[in-house]
């Protein structure tokens, strides 16, 4: 049994040894393959390294070339950028100059406009003060009445001559209207009242602006109607006097807007005023009425002076007839003077002809003409004068004969 075990052990040991031998052989083969592969890889790596070094050298050459190209391009780019920067600097400088100039001009115009705005603001402030003063005037009843009175007086003073109106006169019943205008041809005066009830109107406007409701607005309207009716009745009863004033009186409203609103919204009041023979007038209507009255007064004055005008026209016609007679006489004198001038011109023409003949030394012809003229007039002259003339002609030299001939020619022309 022991022997079998030893045999088995020996066999097992042999097998182990055999396996170890195989393993060593395989490991040797494996080492040889690895070494060959490592050698191949080393050769391949060396070849690749050579290629890489070659490529690196080529790359360095290309990099140098590219660096030179980049340097040239960089210089060109720097030059182009410098030129563009210079151009942009010039353009920006000119633009800034233009903008600065425009800014200065705009600032100057702005200062002018600010000065105009300051002036307008001062005007607005003065206007606001005037409006406040006007509001203070209209808030007081007495001053408000004086305001309407002053406007009415200004219109009447501008439109009518002095003496054609009177302010605050006293009527026969002791009443004192605001103004009366004298009518022509002895007609009664026209009465103008300027006490319009502005308190009720202002209350109505306040109610419309506050929008407190229909009841407050109706109450304000009712108050305005009542005050207008009372005032119209007072004018009709106090100022319309038969034989002393006209049958119609004016109620002056110192505002065109109030006048338009009354006629638009309170037509019944206007109708009642017409029935009471009271006419509601605005400043423009009062001015128009005053112009009509002025035309009527002017026509009346023209009719009053008609006889004087007729007398002046008659005297003007007499003066015109005398002027016509004197003109005709002057024309006759001018005709006579023209005839005399024509005769003088005829004589001067003949004298000119004689002078031209004398200048051309036509003495023979002049002697013959002188002899003929002497023979023609011998019957009218005295015998002694003819003998004396002949003796003088015979005794005078040649020049004196020429002078005598001249005198005879002039006598013949006369």
Protein backbone atom coordinates (compact mmCIF):
# COMPACT_ATOMS: atom_id res chain seq x y z
CA UNK A 1 0.00 0.00 0.00
CA UNK A 2 2.85 2.24 0.86
CA UNK A 3 4.46 1.38 -2.40
CA UNK A 4 1.42 2.30 -4.35
CA UNK A 5 1.18 5.51 -2.54
CA UNK A 6 4.82 6.24 -3.34
CA UNK A 7 4.23 5.37 -6.97
CA UNK A 8 1.26 7.65 -7.07
CA UNK A 9 3.30 10.34 -5.43
CA UNK A 10 6.10 9.76 -7.88
CA UNK A 11 3.71 9.95 -10.79
CA UNK A 12 2.17 13.05 -9.38
CA UNK A 13 5.60 14.57 -8.95
CA UNK A 14 6.50 13.72 -12.48
CA UNK A 15 3.32 15.26 -13.74
CA UNK A 16 4.03 18.41 -11.79
CA UNK A 17 7.50 18.56 -13.19
CA UNK A 18 6.17 18.02 -16.67
CA UNK A 19 3.62 20.75 -16.21
CA UNK A 20 6.33 23.07 -14.89
CA UNK A 21 8.47 22.31 -17.89
CA UNK A 22 5.63 23.06 -20.25
CA UNK A 23 4.94 26.23 -18.38
CA UNK A 24 8.59 27.29 -18.66
CA UNK A 25 8.61 26.57 -22.37
CA UNK A 26 5.45 28.53 -22.88
CA UNK A 27 6.78 31.41 -20.81
CA UNK A 28 9.99 31.46 -22.87
CA UNK A 29 8.02 31.56 -26.05
CA UNK A 30 5.86 34.26 -24.60
CA UNK A 31 8.89 36.33 -23.59
CA UNK A 32 10.36 35.97 -27.06
CA UNK A 33 7.09 37.17 -28.68
CA UNK A 34 6.89 40.07 -26.30
CA UNK A 35 10.45 41.07 -27.00
CA UNK A 36 9.86 40.87 -30.74
CA UNK A 37 6.69 42.85 -30.42
CA UNK A 38 8.44 45.39 -28.19
CA UNK A 39 11.25 45.67 -30.73
CA UNK A 40 8.71 46.17 -33.52
CA UNK A 41 6.91 48.72 -31.45
CA UNK A 42 10.16 50.47 -30.67
CA UNK A 43 11.04 50.58 -34.37
CA UNK A 44 7.59 51.81 -35.24
CA UNK A 45 7.77 54.46 -32.48
CA UNK A 46 11.16 55.56 -33.73
CA UNK A 47 9.82 55.82 -37.26
CA UNK A 48 6.86 57.79 -35.97
CA UNK A 49 9.19 59.99 -33.96
CA UNK A 50 11.19 60.69 -37.11
CA UNK A 51 8.03 61.54 -38.92
CA UNK A 52 6.97 63.76 -36.03
CA UNK A 53 10.34 65.53 -36.01
CA UNK A 54 10.13 66.02 -39.77
CA UNK A 55 6.61 67.33 -39.47
CA UNK A 56 7.70 69.57 -36.59
CA UNK A 57 10.49 71.04 -38.70
CA UNK A 58 8.10 71.60 -41.54
CA UNK A 59 5.65 73.09 -39.08
CA UNK A 60 8.35 75.40 -37.76
CA UNK A 61 9.10 76.57 -41.31
CA UNK A 62 5.45 77.16 -41.99
CA UNK A 63 5.11 78.91 -38.65
CA UNK A 64 7.99 81.21 -39.58
CA UNK A 65 6.40 81.94 -42.96
CA UNK A 66 3.06 82.53 -41.30
CA UNK A 67 4.70 84.77 -38.71
CA UNK A 68 6.24 86.86 -41.51
CA UNK A 69 2.88 87.00 -43.30
CA UNK A 70 1.12 87.86 -40.06
CA UNK A 71 3.73 90.57 -39.37
CA UNK A 72 3.18 92.13 -42.82
CA UNK A 73 -0.58 91.85 -42.48
CA UNK A 74 -0.35 93.29 -38.97
CA UNK A 75 1.63 96.28 -40.27
CA UNK A 76 -0.86 96.84 -43.07
CA UNK A 77 -3.70 96.43 -40.64
CA UNK A 78 -2.09 98.88 -38.21
CA UNK A 79 -1.60 101.39 -41.03
CA UNK A 80 -5.19 100.99 -42.23
CA UNK A 81 -6.48 101.26 -38.67
CA UNK A 82 -4.33 104.37 -38.14
CA UNK A 83 -5.69 106.01 -41.32
CA UNK A 84 -9.24 105.15 -40.37
CA UNK A 85 -8.68 106.45 -36.87
CA UNK A 86 -7.31 109.69 -38.30
CA UNK A 87 -10.33 110.02 -40.63
CA UNK A 88 -12.70 109.20 -37.83
CA UNK A 89 -10.91 111.69 -35.57
CA UNK A 90 -11.29 114.41 -38.19
CA UNK A 91 -14.93 113.56 -38.79
CA UNK A 92 -15.62 113.37 -35.07
CA UNK A 93 -13.83 116.71 -34.60
CA UNK A 94 -15.85 118.39 -37.36
CA UNK A 95 -19.03 116.76 -36.07
CA UNK A 96 -18.28 117.95 -32.55
CA UNK A 97 -17.57 121.45 -33.89
CA UNK A 98 -20.86 121.49 -35.80
CA UNK A 99 -22.70 120.12 -32.82
CA UNK A 100 -21.06 122.71 -30.57
CA UNK A 101 -22.06 125.49 -32.96
CA UNK A 102 -25.59 124.12 -33.25
CA UNK A 103 -25.73 123.77 -29.48
CA UNK A 104 -24.67 127.39 -29.03
CA UNK A 105 -27.26 128.52 -31.57
CA UNK A 106 -29.94 126.43 -29.92
CA UNK A 107 -28.94 127.80 -26.54
CA UNK A 108 -29.12 131.35 -27.92
CA UNK A 109 -32.57 130.69 -29.39
CA UNK A 110 -33.56 129.02 -26.15
CA UNK A 111 -32.43 132.07 -24.21
CA UNK A 112 -34.44 134.29 -26.54
CA UNK A 113 -37.49 132.10 -26.09
CA UNK A 114 -36.92 132.04 -22.36
CA UNK A 115 -36.77 135.83 -22.42
CA UNK A 116 -40.01 135.90 -24.44
CA UNK A 117 -41.52 133.40 -21.99
CA UNK A 118 -40.41 135.59 -19.08
CA UNK A 119 -42.03 138.59 -20.76
CA UNK A 120 -45.20 136.61 -21.43
CA UNK A 121 -45.14 135.35 -17.85
CA UNK A 122 -44.86 138.90 -16.56
CA UNK A 123 -47.74 139.90 -18.84
CA UNK A 124 -49.75 136.95 -17.57
CA UNK A 125 -48.98 137.93 -14.01
CA UNK A 126 -50.08 141.51 -14.65
CA UNK A 127 -53.18 140.17 -16.40
CA UNK A 128 -53.85 137.92 -13.43
CA UNK A 129 -53.57 140.92 -11.14
CA UNK A 130 -55.97 142.80 -13.40
CA UNK A 131 -58.37 139.86 -13.35
CA UNK A 132 -58.12 139.71 -9.58
CA UNK A 133 -58.83 143.43 -9.44
CA UNK A 134 -61.76 142.97 -11.82
CA UNK A 135 -63.04 140.14 -9.66
CA UNK A 136 -62.75 142.38 -6.61
CA UNK A 137 -64.68 145.04 -8.47
CA UNK A 138 -67.41 142.63 -9.54
CA UNK A 139 -67.70 141.15 -6.05
CA UNK A 140 -68.94 144.47 -4.69
CA UNK A 141 -72.38 145.68 -5.73
CA UNK A 142 -71.52 149.38 -5.75
CA UNK A 143 -68.24 148.95 -7.56
CA UNK A 144 -69.91 146.56 -10.01
CA UNK A 145 -72.55 149.18 -10.76
CA UNK A 146 -69.80 151.77 -11.22
CA UNK A 147 -68.03 149.36 -13.60
CA UNK A 148 -71.14 149.05 -15.82
CA UNK A 149 -71.72 152.80 -15.55
CA UNK A 150 -68.14 153.55 -16.61
CA UNK A 151 -68.36 151.26 -19.66
CA UNK A 152 -71.64 152.84 -20.72
CA UNK A 153 -70.25 156.36 -20.20
CA UNK A 154 -67.14 155.52 -22.24
CA UNK A 155 -69.21 154.26 -25.19
CA UNK A 156 -71.50 157.29 -25.13
CA UNK A 157 -68.65 159.81 -24.77
CA UNK A 158 -66.83 158.24 -27.71
CA UNK A 159 -69.90 158.21 -29.94
CA UNK A 160 -71.79 161.46 -29.22
CA UNK A 161 -70.69 165.09 -29.14
CA UNK A 162 -70.56 167.04 -25.91
CA UNK A 163 -73.98 168.36 -24.93
CA UNK A 164 -75.93 165.57 -26.65
CA UNK A 165 -76.10 163.50 -23.43
CA UNK A 166 -76.18 163.87 -19.67
CA UNK A 167 -75.28 161.47 -16.85
CA UNK A 168 -77.34 161.07 -13.68
CA UNK A 169 -79.94 163.74 -14.59
CA UNK A 170 -83.02 164.35 -12.48
CA UNK A 171 -86.41 163.74 -14.10
CA UNK A 172 -89.64 165.48 -13.26
CA UNK A 173 -90.66 162.61 -10.95
CA UNK A 174 -87.44 162.90 -8.98
CA UNK A 175 -85.84 159.76 -10.47
CA UNK A 176 -82.24 159.82 -11.66
CA UNK A 177 -81.45 157.45 -14.54
CA UNK A 178 -77.88 156.57 -15.38
CA UNK A 179 -77.89 158.45 -18.69
CA UNK A 180 -80.22 160.35 -21.02
CA UNK A 181 -79.49 161.08 -24.68
CA UNK A 182 -80.99 164.18 -26.28
CA UNK A 183 -82.91 163.48 -29.47
CA UNK A 184 -83.26 165.99 -32.36
CA UNK A 185 -86.27 168.08 -33.39
CA UNK A 186 -87.41 168.55 -29.79
CA UNK A 187 -88.10 164.84 -29.31
CA UNK A 188 -88.03 163.40 -25.75
CA UNK A 189 -84.76 162.09 -24.35
CA UNK A 190 -83.69 158.44 -24.51
CA UNK A 191 -83.08 156.80 -21.11
CA UNK A 192 -80.24 154.29 -20.60
CA UNK A 193 -79.95 152.22 -17.41
CA UNK A 194 -76.68 150.41 -16.51
CA UNK A 195 -77.71 148.62 -13.29
CA UNK A 196 -77.89 145.04 -14.55
CA UNK A 197 -78.49 142.48 -11.71
CA UNK A 198 -75.08 140.78 -11.80
CA UNK A 199 -75.45 139.27 -8.33
CA UNK A 200 -78.23 136.92 -9.43
CA UNK A 201 -76.29 136.15 -12.62
CA UNK A 202 -73.12 135.28 -10.65
CA UNK A 203 -75.16 133.04 -8.34
CA UNK A 204 -76.57 131.28 -11.41
CA UNK A 205 -73.11 130.77 -12.86
CA UNK A 206 -71.81 129.44 -9.54
CA UNK A 207 -74.69 126.95 -9.37
CA UNK A 208 -73.94 125.78 -12.92
CA UNK A 209 -70.24 125.39 -12.17
CA UNK A 210 -70.74 123.61 -8.80
CA UNK A 211 -73.27 121.12 -10.25
CA UNK A 212 -75.11 121.00 -6.93
CA UNK A 213 -78.21 119.54 -8.51
CA UNK A 214 -81.24 120.55 -10.53
CA UNK A 215 -82.97 122.07 -7.52
CA UNK A 216 -80.13 124.54 -6.78
CA UNK A 217 -79.86 125.43 -10.47
CA UNK A 218 -83.61 126.01 -10.76
CA UNK A 219 -83.52 128.15 -7.61
CA UNK A 220 -80.73 130.29 -9.07
CA UNK A 221 -82.58 130.63 -12.38
CA UNK A 222 -85.75 131.62 -10.56
CA UNK A 223 -83.86 134.26 -8.60
CA UNK A 224 -82.37 135.68 -11.79
CA UNK A 225 -85.78 135.82 -13.48
CA UNK A 226 -87.27 137.54 -10.43
CA UNK A 227 -84.51 140.16 -10.25
CA UNK A 228 -84.75 140.84 -13.99
CA UNK A 229 -88.53 141.22 -13.82
CA UNK A 230 -88.26 143.60 -10.87
CA UNK A 231 -85.57 145.69 -12.59
CA UNK A 232 -87.47 145.84 -15.90
CA UNK A 233 -90.60 146.90 -14.03
CA UNK A 234 -88.68 149.63 -12.20
CA UNK A 235 -87.29 151.00 -15.47
CA UNK A 236 -90.72 150.96 -17.09
CA UNK A 237 -92.43 152.70 -14.17
CA UNK A 238 -89.71 155.19 -13.16
CA UNK A 239 -88.03 156.26 -16.37
CA UNK A 240 -90.72 156.11 -19.08
CA UNK A 241 -92.52 159.48 -18.72
CA UNK A 242 -94.83 160.64 -21.49
CA UNK A 243 -93.61 163.82 -23.17
CA UNK A 244 -90.34 163.83 -21.23
CA UNK A 245 -88.63 160.58 -22.24
CA UNK A 246 -88.92 158.20 -25.16
CA UNK A 247 -91.43 155.34 -25.09
CA UNK A 248 -88.49 152.90 -25.04
CA UNK A 249 -85.56 152.66 -22.62
CA UNK A 250 -82.26 150.77 -22.83
CA UNK A 251 -81.04 148.25 -20.22
CA UNK A 252 -77.27 148.06 -20.65
CA UNK A 253 -75.53 144.69 -20.09
CA UNK A 254 -71.74 145.22 -19.69
CA UNK A 255 -70.79 141.84 -21.23
CA UNK A 256 -71.39 140.27 -24.63
CA UNK A 257 -71.33 136.74 -23.19
CA UNK A 258 -74.01 137.57 -20.58
CA UNK A 259 -76.12 139.23 -23.29
CA UNK A 260 -75.88 136.13 -25.52
CA UNK A 261 -76.65 133.76 -22.63
CA UNK A 262 -79.71 135.81 -21.59
CA UNK A 263 -81.12 135.78 -25.13
CA UNK A 264 -80.37 132.08 -25.52
CA UNK A 265 -81.56 130.70 -22.18
CA UNK A 266 -84.03 133.32 -20.93
CA UNK A 267 -86.07 134.27 -23.96
CA UNK A 268 -89.15 134.86 -21.79
CA UNK A 269 -87.33 137.65 -19.94
CA UNK A 270 -86.43 139.28 -23.25
CA UNK A 271 -90.04 139.09 -24.42
CA UNK A 272 -91.32 140.61 -21.17
CA UNK A 273 -88.77 143.40 -21.51
CA UNK A 274 -90.01 144.14 -25.04
CA UNK A 275 -93.57 144.24 -23.85
CA UNK A 276 -92.51 146.64 -21.10
CA UNK A 277 -90.72 148.75 -23.79
CA UNK A 278 -87.30 148.03 -22.35
CA UNK A 279 -84.58 146.93 -24.79
CA UNK A 280 -81.67 144.86 -23.43
CA UNK A 281 -78.48 145.99 -25.19
CA UNK A 282 -74.87 144.80 -25.10
CA UNK A 283 -71.83 147.08 -25.55
CA UNK A 284 -71.79 146.48 -29.32
CA UNK A 285 -75.53 147.13 -29.70
CA UNK A 286 -75.27 150.27 -27.58
CA UNK A 287 -72.40 151.45 -29.76
CA UNK A 288 -74.47 150.77 -32.89
CA UNK A 289 -77.44 152.62 -31.43
CA UNK A 290 -75.22 155.58 -30.54
CA UNK A 291 -73.90 155.66 -34.11
CA UNK A 292 -77.48 155.71 -35.45
CA UNK A 293 -78.37 158.53 -33.05
CA UNK A 294 -75.27 160.41 -34.15
CA UNK A 295 -76.33 160.07 -37.80
CA UNK A 296 -79.81 161.33 -36.91
CA UNK A 297 -78.36 164.33 -35.06
CA UNK A 298 -76.07 165.09 -37.98
CA UNK A 299 -79.00 164.92 -40.41
CA UNK A 300 -81.00 167.23 -38.17
CA UNK A 301 -78.16 169.73 -38.04
CA UNK A 302 -77.86 169.56 -41.81
CA UNK A 303 -81.59 170.29 -42.18
CA UNK A 304 -81.33 173.18 -39.74
CA UNK A 305 -78.53 174.67 -41.82
CA UNK A 306 -80.24 173.98 -45.18
CA UNK A 307 -81.17 177.67 -45.79
CA UNK A 308 -77.59 178.71 -45.10
CA UNK A 309 -76.36 176.08 -47.51
CA UNK A 310 -78.82 177.29 -50.17
CA UNK A 311 -77.63 180.88 -49.71
CA UNK A 312 -74.03 179.78 -50.04
CA UNK A 313 -74.92 177.85 -53.20
CA UNK A 314 -76.61 180.97 -54.70
CA UNK A 315 -73.56 183.09 -53.96
CA UNK A 316 -71.38 180.35 -55.37
CA UNK A 317 -73.39 180.43 -58.63
CA UNK A 318 -73.06 184.22 -58.81
CA UNK A 319 -69.32 183.96 -58.35
CA UNK A 320 -69.26 181.27 -61.01
CA UNK A 321 -71.14 183.46 -63.51
CA UNK A 322 -68.76 186.37 -62.86
CA UNK A 323 -65.85 184.03 -63.33
CA UNK A 324 -67.34 182.89 -66.65
CA UNK A 325 -67.74 186.50 -67.91
CA UNK A 326 -64.21 187.40 -66.91
CA UNK A 327 -62.89 184.26 -68.54
CA UNK A 328 -64.66 185.10 -71.80
CA UNK A 329 -63.23 188.66 -71.72
CA UNK A 330 -59.79 187.25 -71.07
CA UNK A 331 -60.31 184.87 -73.99
CA UNK A 332 -61.19 187.88 -76.26
CA UNK A 333 -58.04 189.66 -75.12
CA UNK A 334 -56.06 186.54 -75.82
CA UNK A 335 -57.59 186.35 -79.34
CA UNK A 336 -56.64 189.97 -80.07
CA UNK A 337 -53.18 189.41 -78.68
CA UNK A 338 -52.86 186.31 -80.85
CA UNK A 339 -53.74 188.35 -83.94
CA UNK A 340 -51.16 190.97 -83.00
CA UNK A 341 -48.61 188.24 -82.45
CA UNK A 342 -49.42 186.79 -85.90
CA UNK A 343 -48.90 190.21 -87.51
CA UNK A 344 -45.63 190.65 -85.62
CA UNK A 345 -44.51 187.24 -86.80
CA UNK A 346 -45.38 188.17 -90.42
CA UNK A 347 -43.35 191.39 -90.12
CA UNK A 348 -40.45 189.52 -88.55
CA UNK A 349 -40.49 186.98 -91.40
CA UNK A 350 -40.36 189.78 -93.95
CA UNK A 351 -37.55 191.46 -92.06
CA UNK A 352 -35.68 188.18 -92.01
CA UNK A 353 -36.07 187.86 -95.77
CA UNK A 354 -34.86 191.44 -96.26
CA UNK A 355 -31.89 190.80 -94.02
CA UNK A 356 -30.93 187.69 -95.96
CA UNK A 357 -31.07 189.64 -99.22
CA UNK A 358 -28.95 192.41 -97.77
CA UNK A 359 -26.40 189.89 -96.57
CA UNK A 360 -26.13 188.47 -100.08
CA UNK A 361 -25.45 192.06 -101.40
CA UNK A 362 -28.43 192.24 -103.74
CA UNK A 363 -28.21 196.01 -103.83
CA UNK A 364 -29.53 196.36 -107.35
CA UNK A 365 -32.72 194.50 -106.63
CA UNK A 366 -33.17 196.44 -103.41
CA UNK A 367 -32.72 199.74 -105.34
CA UNK A 368 -35.39 198.74 -107.81
CA UNK A 369 -37.80 197.71 -105.09
CA UNK A 370 -37.09 200.91 -103.24
CA UNK A 371 -37.77 202.96 -106.37
CA UNK A 372 -41.02 201.16 -107.02
CA UNK A 373 -42.17 201.64 -103.49
CA UNK A 374 -41.23 205.35 -103.66
CA UNK A 375 -43.19 205.89 -106.89
CA UNK A 376 -46.22 204.09 -105.45
CA UNK A 377 -46.36 206.37 -102.45
CA UNK A 378 -45.43 209.65 -104.15
CA UNK A 379 -49.09 210.74 -104.33
CA UNK A 380 -49.48 210.65 -100.59
CA UNK A 381 -46.26 212.44 -99.71
CA UNK A 382 -45.56 216.14 -99.94
CA UNK A 383 -43.60 217.53 -102.82
CA UNK A 384 -41.10 219.24 -100.58
CA UNK A 385 -40.41 216.04 -98.80
CA UNK A 386 -39.84 214.17 -102.06
CA UNK A 387 -37.42 216.84 -103.29
CA UNK A 388 -35.53 216.77 -100.02
CA UNK A 389 -35.37 212.99 -100.14
CA UNK A 390 -34.10 212.97 -103.69
CA UNK A 391 -31.48 215.59 -102.97
CA UNK A 392 -30.35 213.64 -99.94
CA UNK A 393 -30.11 210.43 -101.96
CA UNK A 394 -28.13 212.12 -104.68
CA UNK A 395 -25.77 213.76 -102.25
CA UNK A 396 -25.23 210.74 -99.93
CA UNK A 397 -22.54 208.19 -100.65
CA UNK A 398 -23.26 204.54 -101.41
CA UNK A 399 -23.49 203.38 -97.79
CA UNK A 400 -25.99 206.07 -96.88
CA UNK A 401 -28.15 205.05 -99.81
CA UNK A 402 -28.25 201.57 -98.46
CA UNK A 403 -29.42 202.85 -95.06
CA UNK A 404 -32.14 204.93 -96.71
CA UNK A 405 -33.29 201.95 -98.64
CA UNK A 406 -33.61 200.01 -95.43
CA UNK A 407 -35.72 202.69 -93.84
CA UNK A 408 -38.00 202.80 -96.84
CA UNK A 409 -38.45 199.05 -96.84
CA UNK A 410 -39.48 199.11 -93.17
CA UNK A 411 -41.97 201.90 -93.85
CA UNK A 412 -43.48 199.86 -96.65
CA UNK A 413 -43.90 196.81 -94.42
CA UNK A 414 -45.64 198.87 -91.78
